[in-house]
Protein backbone atom coordinates (compact mmCIF):
# COMPACT_ATOMS: atom_id res chain seq x y z
CA UNK A 1 90.46 10.85 67.20
CA UNK A 2 91.11 10.48 63.70
CA UNK A 3 94.73 10.66 63.67
CA UNK A 4 97.22 9.61 61.03
CA UNK A 5 97.87 5.79 62.60
CA UNK A 6 101.40 5.55 61.34
CA UNK A 7 102.61 9.19 62.25
CA UNK A 8 100.99 8.24 66.00
CA UNK A 9 102.60 5.14 66.21
CA UNK A 10 106.07 6.97 65.16
CA UNK A 11 105.38 9.87 67.82
CA UNK A 12 104.46 7.15 70.89
CA UNK A 13 107.63 5.24 70.12
CA UNK A 14 109.59 8.17 70.21
CA UNK A 15 107.86 9.41 73.24
CA UNK A 16 108.87 6.35 74.78
CA UNK A 17 112.99 6.61 73.63
CA UNK A 18 112.99 10.20 74.44
CA UNK A 19 111.23 9.56 78.16
CA UNK A 20 113.88 6.88 78.84
CA UNK A 21 116.72 9.27 77.33
CA UNK A 22 115.72 12.45 78.53
CA UNK A 23 115.76 13.62 75.23
CA UNK A 24 112.52 15.54 75.23
CA UNK A 25 113.83 18.60 73.96
CA UNK A 26 115.75 16.87 71.02
CA UNK A 27 112.33 15.30 70.15
CA UNK A 28 110.34 18.08 69.89
CA UNK A 29 112.65 19.74 67.67
CA UNK A 30 113.06 16.86 65.21
CA UNK A 31 109.15 15.69 65.16
CA UNK A 32 107.06 18.76 66.16
CA UNK A 33 103.13 18.09 66.26
CA UNK A 34 100.89 19.22 63.36
CA UNK A 35 97.62 20.45 64.19
CA UNK A 36 95.77 18.11 62.08
CA UNK A 37 97.18 15.34 64.49
CA UNK A 38 95.35 16.62 67.61
CA UNK A 39 91.93 17.40 65.52
CA UNK A 40 88.89 15.67 66.28
CA UNK A 41 86.60 15.13 63.40
CA UNK A 42 84.02 12.89 65.20
CA UNK A 43 80.67 14.13 63.93
CA UNK A 44 78.30 15.66 66.72
CA UNK A 45 74.99 16.14 66.36
CA UNK A 46 73.19 19.37 66.00
CA UNK A 47 70.49 20.24 68.11
CA UNK A 48 68.45 23.75 68.34
CA UNK A 49 69.51 25.45 71.50
CA UNK A 50 66.81 26.57 74.26
CA UNK A 51 65.82 29.77 74.64
CA UNK A 52 65.20 30.85 78.33
CA UNK A 53 62.65 28.26 79.51
CA UNK A 54 61.93 26.65 75.99
CA UNK A 55 63.21 23.02 75.69
CA UNK A 56 65.85 22.02 73.34
CA UNK A 57 64.66 20.20 70.37
CA UNK A 58 65.90 16.78 71.37
CA UNK A 59 64.22 17.16 74.78
CA UNK A 60 61.47 14.98 76.02
CA UNK A 61 59.07 17.22 77.75
CA UNK A 62 57.18 16.05 81.05
CA UNK A 63 55.55 18.85 81.82
CA UNK A 64 54.24 21.86 79.78
CA UNK A 65 51.91 23.38 82.17
CA UNK A 66 49.21 21.49 80.17
CA UNK A 67 48.91 18.20 80.82
CA UNK A 68 50.48 15.19 83.08
CA UNK A 69 50.19 12.52 80.32
CA UNK A 70 53.96 11.59 81.21
CA UNK A 71 53.44 10.69 84.90
CA UNK A 72 51.84 8.18 86.74
CA UNK A 73 51.10 7.30 90.48
CA UNK A 74 54.54 5.50 91.74
CA UNK A 75 52.07 3.55 94.42
CA UNK A 76 49.45 1.98 91.78
CA UNK A 77 50.51 3.42 88.46
CA UNK A 78 47.41 5.14 87.90
CA UNK A 79 46.45 8.70 86.67
CA UNK A 80 47.99 11.13 89.08
CA UNK A 81 46.10 13.36 91.62
CA UNK A 82 48.20 16.38 91.53
CA UNK A 83 46.72 19.65 90.07
CA UNK A 84 47.40 22.11 87.15
CA UNK A 85 47.37 25.38 88.85
CA UNK A 86 48.28 28.57 86.77
CA UNK A 87 50.06 25.80 84.51
CA UNK A 88 52.10 24.80 87.58
CA UNK A 89 52.15 21.27 88.81
CA UNK A 90 50.85 21.20 92.58
CA UNK A 91 51.90 18.51 94.91
CA UNK A 92 48.42 17.16 96.34
CA UNK A 93 48.83 16.59 100.11
CA UNK A 94 48.27 12.79 100.45
CA UNK A 95 48.36 12.34 97.03
CA UNK A 96 51.36 10.06 96.79
CA UNK A 97 54.68 10.38 95.03
CA UNK A 98 54.97 10.55 91.00
CA UNK A 99 57.13 8.69 88.63
CA UNK A 100 57.87 9.06 84.58
CA UNK A 101 56.17 6.40 82.58
CA UNK A 102 59.18 6.25 80.87
CA UNK A 103 62.70 4.85 82.10
CA UNK A 104 66.04 6.77 82.22
CA UNK A 105 69.57 6.66 82.96
CA UNK A 106 71.91 9.40 82.21
CA UNK A 107 70.36 12.22 81.29
CA UNK A 108 70.02 16.03 81.69
CA UNK A 109 67.19 17.35 83.47
CA UNK A 110 65.60 20.88 83.51
CA UNK A 111 63.20 21.46 86.26
CA UNK A 112 61.53 24.59 87.64
CA UNK A 113 59.94 24.94 91.57
CA UNK A 114 58.86 26.85 94.21
CA UNK A 115 58.06 26.05 97.94
CA UNK A 116 55.07 27.87 99.46
CA UNK A 117 55.27 29.99 102.68
CA UNK A 118 54.89 27.59 105.43
CA UNK A 119 54.93 28.18 109.13
CA UNK A 120 56.39 24.95 111.04
CA UNK A 121 58.76 24.69 113.77
CA UNK A 122 60.26 21.96 112.22
CA UNK A 123 62.06 23.50 109.08
CA UNK A 124 62.44 20.04 107.34
CA UNK A 125 58.32 20.32 106.95
CA UNK A 126 58.51 23.44 105.00
CA UNK A 127 58.67 23.04 101.28
CA UNK A 128 59.77 19.58 101.23
CA UNK A 129 59.48 17.59 98.18
CA UNK A 130 62.59 15.90 96.04
CA UNK A 131 63.34 14.78 92.77
CA UNK A 132 64.74 10.93 92.63
CA UNK A 133 66.95 9.80 89.70
CA UNK A 134 66.13 6.07 89.00
CA UNK A 135 63.44 6.20 91.81
CA UNK A 136 66.37 5.91 94.01
CA UNK A 137 68.69 8.67 94.43
CA UNK A 138 67.11 12.10 95.86
CA UNK A 139 68.19 15.70 94.97
CA UNK A 140 66.38 17.49 97.85
CA UNK A 141 63.78 20.53 97.43
CA UNK A 142 63.31 22.64 100.48
CA UNK A 143 62.35 25.81 101.80
CA UNK A 144 66.19 26.71 102.33
CA UNK A 145 65.93 30.91 102.37
CA UNK A 146 67.62 31.73 105.26
CA UNK A 147 67.83 27.59 106.46
CA UNK A 148 68.14 26.34 109.65
CA UNK A 149 68.48 22.55 109.13
CA UNK A 150 71.02 19.82 108.44
CA UNK A 151 73.02 21.56 105.24
CA UNK A 152 72.83 17.58 103.69
CA UNK A 153 68.99 18.19 103.49
CA UNK A 154 68.75 21.74 102.32
CA UNK A 155 67.81 22.59 98.85
CA UNK A 156 70.38 21.24 95.99
CA UNK A 157 71.90 18.54 98.43
CA UNK A 158 72.09 14.94 97.49
CA UNK A 159 70.00 14.10 100.35
CA UNK A 160 71.60 12.88 103.48
CA UNK A 161 74.75 12.71 101.47
CA UNK A 162 76.17 15.20 100.00
CA UNK A 163 75.39 19.41 101.24
CA UNK A 164 75.67 21.73 97.99
CA UNK A 165 78.43 23.94 97.50
CA UNK A 166 76.31 27.05 98.01
CA UNK A 167 72.97 27.99 98.85
CA UNK A 168 71.35 30.00 96.34
CA UNK A 169 67.73 29.59 97.56
CA UNK A 170 65.42 32.16 96.78
CA UNK A 171 62.29 33.06 99.09
CA UNK A 172 59.19 31.12 99.47
CA UNK A 173 56.96 31.81 96.67
CA UNK A 174 59.82 32.49 94.01
CA UNK A 175 60.82 30.13 91.49
CA UNK A 176 63.96 27.98 91.48
CA UNK A 177 65.70 26.30 88.75
CA UNK A 178 67.60 23.13 88.67
CA UNK A 179 69.62 21.93 85.86
CA UNK A 180 71.01 18.56 86.70
CA UNK A 181 73.41 16.01 84.64
CA UNK A 182 73.01 12.81 86.09
CA UNK A 183 75.12 9.86 85.51
CA UNK A 184 73.92 6.64 86.21
CA UNK A 185 75.69 3.90 88.08
CA UNK A 186 77.08 0.75 86.15
CA UNK A 187 77.10 -2.37 87.46
CA UNK A 188 79.18 -5.70 86.87
CA UNK A 189 77.61 -8.80 85.34
CA UNK A 190 77.71 -10.10 88.94
CA UNK A 191 75.34 -7.51 90.16
CA UNK A 192 78.12 -5.77 92.07
CA UNK A 193 78.86 -1.79 91.70
CA UNK A 194 81.71 -0.99 89.04
CA UNK A 195 81.18 2.55 89.07
CA UNK A 196 78.67 4.85 91.23
CA UNK A 197 76.40 7.51 90.04
CA UNK A 198 77.16 10.90 89.53
CA UNK A 199 75.56 14.57 89.70
CA UNK A 200 76.21 17.92 88.41
CA UNK A 201 73.59 20.52 89.67
CA UNK A 202 73.30 24.23 88.59
CA UNK A 203 71.08 25.73 91.14
CA UNK A 204 69.49 29.08 90.11
CA UNK A 205 72.42 29.06 87.73
CA UNK A 206 75.00 28.73 90.48
CA UNK A 207 77.39 25.22 90.51
CA UNK A 208 76.46 23.50 93.78
CA UNK A 209 77.29 20.07 93.05
CA UNK A 210 80.58 19.42 90.82
CA UNK A 211 80.28 15.71 89.47
CA UNK A 212 79.47 14.61 93.12
CA UNK A 213 79.89 11.12 93.57
CA UNK A 214 76.49 9.33 95.01
CA UNK A 215 77.05 6.87 97.80
CA UNK A 216 73.97 4.92 97.14
CA UNK A 217 70.18 4.81 97.17
CA UNK A 218 68.66 7.79 99.54
CA UNK A 219 67.74 6.40 103.00
CA UNK A 220 66.67 8.68 105.97
CA UNK A 221 68.14 6.33 108.25
CA UNK A 222 71.14 4.22 107.61
CA UNK A 223 73.57 4.14 105.60
CA UNK A 224 73.11 4.29 101.28
CA UNK A 225 73.94 0.97 99.70
CA UNK A 226 73.82 0.21 95.81
CA UNK A 227 71.64 -2.86 94.35
CA UNK A 228 71.58 -3.75 90.90
CA UNK A 229 69.22 -2.16 88.48
CA UNK A 230 68.87 -0.85 85.37
CA UNK A 231 67.13 2.27 83.72
CA UNK A 232 64.12 3.66 85.79
CA UNK A 233 61.94 6.33 86.44
CA UNK A 234 62.11 9.66 87.62
CA UNK A 235 60.08 10.31 90.78
CA UNK A 236 58.89 13.57 92.23
CA UNK A 237 57.89 13.33 95.94
CA UNK A 238 54.86 14.06 97.96
CA UNK A 239 56.12 15.26 101.49
CA UNK A 240 52.84 16.61 102.49
CA UNK A 241 53.82 20.25 101.00
CA UNK A 242 52.24 22.01 97.94
CA UNK A 243 55.48 22.28 96.07
CA UNK A 244 55.15 23.36 92.59
CA UNK A 245 57.25 22.80 89.37
CA UNK A 246 57.02 23.86 86.05
CA UNK A 247 58.75 23.83 82.54
CA UNK A 248 60.25 20.29 83.09
CA UNK A 249 62.27 18.54 80.35
CA UNK A 250 65.05 15.77 80.04
CA UNK A 251 67.60 15.18 77.66
CA UNK A 252 68.66 11.14 77.24
CA UNK A 253 72.38 11.03 77.42
């Protein structure tokens, strides 16, 4: 913040004196803060706000209903086999996970998804997919309407780590919306973890992850761990269910 430096130094010194002497009231009367002292004039970039599903002007559009050029197969970096159906990107069963060509760290992601009506005795087979930040940390997608599975695996969970605060899931064949703020982990020069990844998630407009700490890479069995890495792809998961996606955009932060 662009404070008056001399005035700020004086305030800090007086605060220290007042703190020791207990003369806080005397200090406030003798040297009241002026409005300009707490004004932050650091420039903020202007962007055009989105309108409903339209992305903001500084977003990278990952899928707009027309082509899949931003995505490649995770297995062999070839063109993806997922299909566009009615302007939605549908998982091809057995087609494998897909990842973005571009690598990301901190970001804001908007993505819309819907699960098909499927009938399995195992609820984890119904509409199962996931969004993996930096190809490691999964936000679960699942048919979670009237769910009957473990809650740290329903839609909106950090898979096997943090269940959503509430469950605002819509019925199968209805579109759901995720708006996600993701903060990448930081590592020391030695490769050890300095600060963990964090995620905030609005699910159909409802806050379900509130600056949640991610414990490490997603794993089905065992405990999550961190290993040193840099920017990496965003991944959409093929879990043998014809989940559909649309209106995918991302902003680097």
